[in-house]
Amino acid sequence: MSASRPRPTALRRYGQNHLVDKNTLAAIVRMSSVQANDVVLEVGAATGVLTEHLLANAAGVHMFEIDRRFASALERLAVAHPNLQLHLGRRRARRSGDT
């Protein structure tokens, strides 16, 4: 998805702030200094705007999204990029030693 495509309204309960400004996007990508052998963890992938740019620079991306409204678009993106792993929904964090 591009930044200009329609997207669901940001939900306060998830603390969402959708990335829509191309200058901000470029600054994030530039300052991340992602290298070709890096694997990136992206939390809150939303429409995948940042994800697409990370994929261009990284060996792989793991994107996490709890908002199911973005599921179909992110699934299509994951199918198109074998170096992309999509993780949908909430997962309970485990501490070291938990069983």
Protein backbone atom coordinates (compact mmCIF):
# COMPACT_ATOMS: atom_id res chain seq x y z
CA MET A 1 0.00 0.00 0.00
CA SER A 2 1.21 3.48 -0.65
CA ALA A 3 0.82 6.42 1.67
CA SER A 4 -1.84 7.89 -0.66
CA ARG A 5 -4.23 4.90 -0.54
CA PRO A 6 -7.22 4.95 1.80
CA ARG A 7 -6.58 3.41 5.20
CA PRO A 8 -8.69 2.69 8.26
CA THR A 9 -8.94 5.39 10.90
CA ALA A 10 -6.21 5.20 13.54
CA LEU A 11 -7.44 3.60 16.78
CA ARG A 12 -6.47 5.22 20.05
CA ARG A 13 -6.62 1.89 21.94
CA TYR A 14 -3.70 0.65 19.84
CA GLY A 15 -1.79 3.94 20.02
CA GLN A 16 -1.82 4.17 16.24
CA ASN A 17 -0.29 7.03 14.30
CA HIS A 18 -0.29 6.27 10.59
CA LEU A 19 2.81 7.22 8.65
CA VAL A 20 1.64 9.36 5.73
CA ASP A 21 4.29 12.04 5.23
CA LYS A 22 6.83 11.00 2.59
CA ASN A 23 9.55 13.19 4.14
CA THR A 24 9.08 11.53 7.53
CA LEU A 25 9.16 8.11 5.88
CA ALA A 26 12.41 8.94 4.06
CA ALA A 27 13.97 10.25 7.29
CA ILE A 28 13.03 7.09 9.22
CA VAL A 29 14.49 4.85 6.53
CA ARG A 30 17.66 6.94 6.26
CA MET A 31 18.22 7.14 10.04
CA SER A 32 17.54 3.43 10.54
CA SER A 33 20.75 2.65 8.63
CA VAL A 34 19.40 -0.78 7.68
CA GLN A 35 22.05 -2.86 5.92
CA ALA A 36 21.60 -5.65 3.37
CA ASN A 37 22.34 -8.38 5.95
CA ASP A 38 20.00 -6.98 8.66
CA VAL A 39 16.74 -8.55 9.80
CA VAL A 40 14.27 -5.89 10.92
CA LEU A 41 11.42 -6.13 13.44
CA GLU A 42 8.58 -3.74 12.65
CA VAL A 43 5.84 -3.37 15.27
CA GLY A 44 2.57 -1.94 14.01
CA ALA A 45 3.01 -2.41 10.27
CA ALA A 46 -0.45 -1.00 9.48
CA THR A 47 -0.61 -0.52 5.69
CA GLY A 48 2.97 -1.64 5.09
CA VAL A 49 4.24 1.72 3.85
CA LEU A 50 7.41 1.56 5.95
CA THR A 51 7.66 -2.20 5.45
CA GLU A 52 8.11 -1.85 1.70
CA HIS A 53 11.03 0.52 2.18
CA LEU A 54 12.63 -1.70 4.81
CA LEU A 55 12.36 -4.69 2.46
CA ALA A 56 14.35 -2.81 -0.16
CA ASN A 57 17.29 -2.50 2.25
CA ALA A 58 17.14 -5.51 4.61
CA ALA A 59 17.71 -9.25 4.30
CA GLY A 60 14.37 -9.79 5.99
CA VAL A 61 11.54 -8.11 7.88
CA HIS A 62 9.27 -9.48 10.60
CA MET A 63 6.19 -7.29 10.82
CA PHE A 64 3.73 -7.45 13.68
CA GLU A 65 0.21 -6.05 13.55
CA ILE A 66 -2.61 -6.53 16.07
CA ASP A 67 -5.23 -4.61 14.08
CA ARG A 68 -6.99 -7.17 11.87
CA ARG A 69 -8.31 -4.43 9.57
CA PHE A 70 -4.89 -4.46 7.90
CA ALA A 71 -4.65 -8.25 7.59
CA SER A 72 -5.58 -8.73 3.92
CA ALA A 73 -3.25 -5.99 2.64
CA LEU A 74 -0.37 -7.26 4.78
CA GLU A 75 -0.99 -10.86 3.71
CA ARG A 76 -0.75 -9.79 0.05
CA LEU A 77 2.48 -7.96 0.80
CA ALA A 78 3.90 -11.03 2.56
CA VAL A 79 3.04 -13.28 -0.39
CA ALA A 80 4.86 -10.91 -2.74
CA HIS A 81 8.03 -10.85 -0.60
CA PRO A 82 9.59 -14.15 0.52
CA ASN A 83 11.87 -12.29 2.94
CA LEU A 84 8.85 -10.92 4.84
CA GLN A 85 7.24 -12.68 7.80
CA LEU A 86 3.81 -11.48 8.95
CA HIS A 87 2.71 -11.94 12.57
CA LEU A 88 -0.96 -11.02 13.12
CA GLY A 89 -2.82 -10.64 16.39
CA ARG A 90 -1.79 -10.39 20.00
CA ARG A 91 0.77 -12.71 21.45
CA ARG A 92 1.46 -12.97 25.14
CA ALA A 93 5.06 -12.07 25.85
CA ARG A 94 7.02 -14.82 27.54
CA ARG A 95 9.72 -14.22 30.06
CA SER A 96 12.84 -16.30 30.16
CA GLY A 97 12.06 -19.48 32.11
CA ASP A 98 8.29 -19.46 31.40
CA THR A 99 6.81 -22.72 30.18
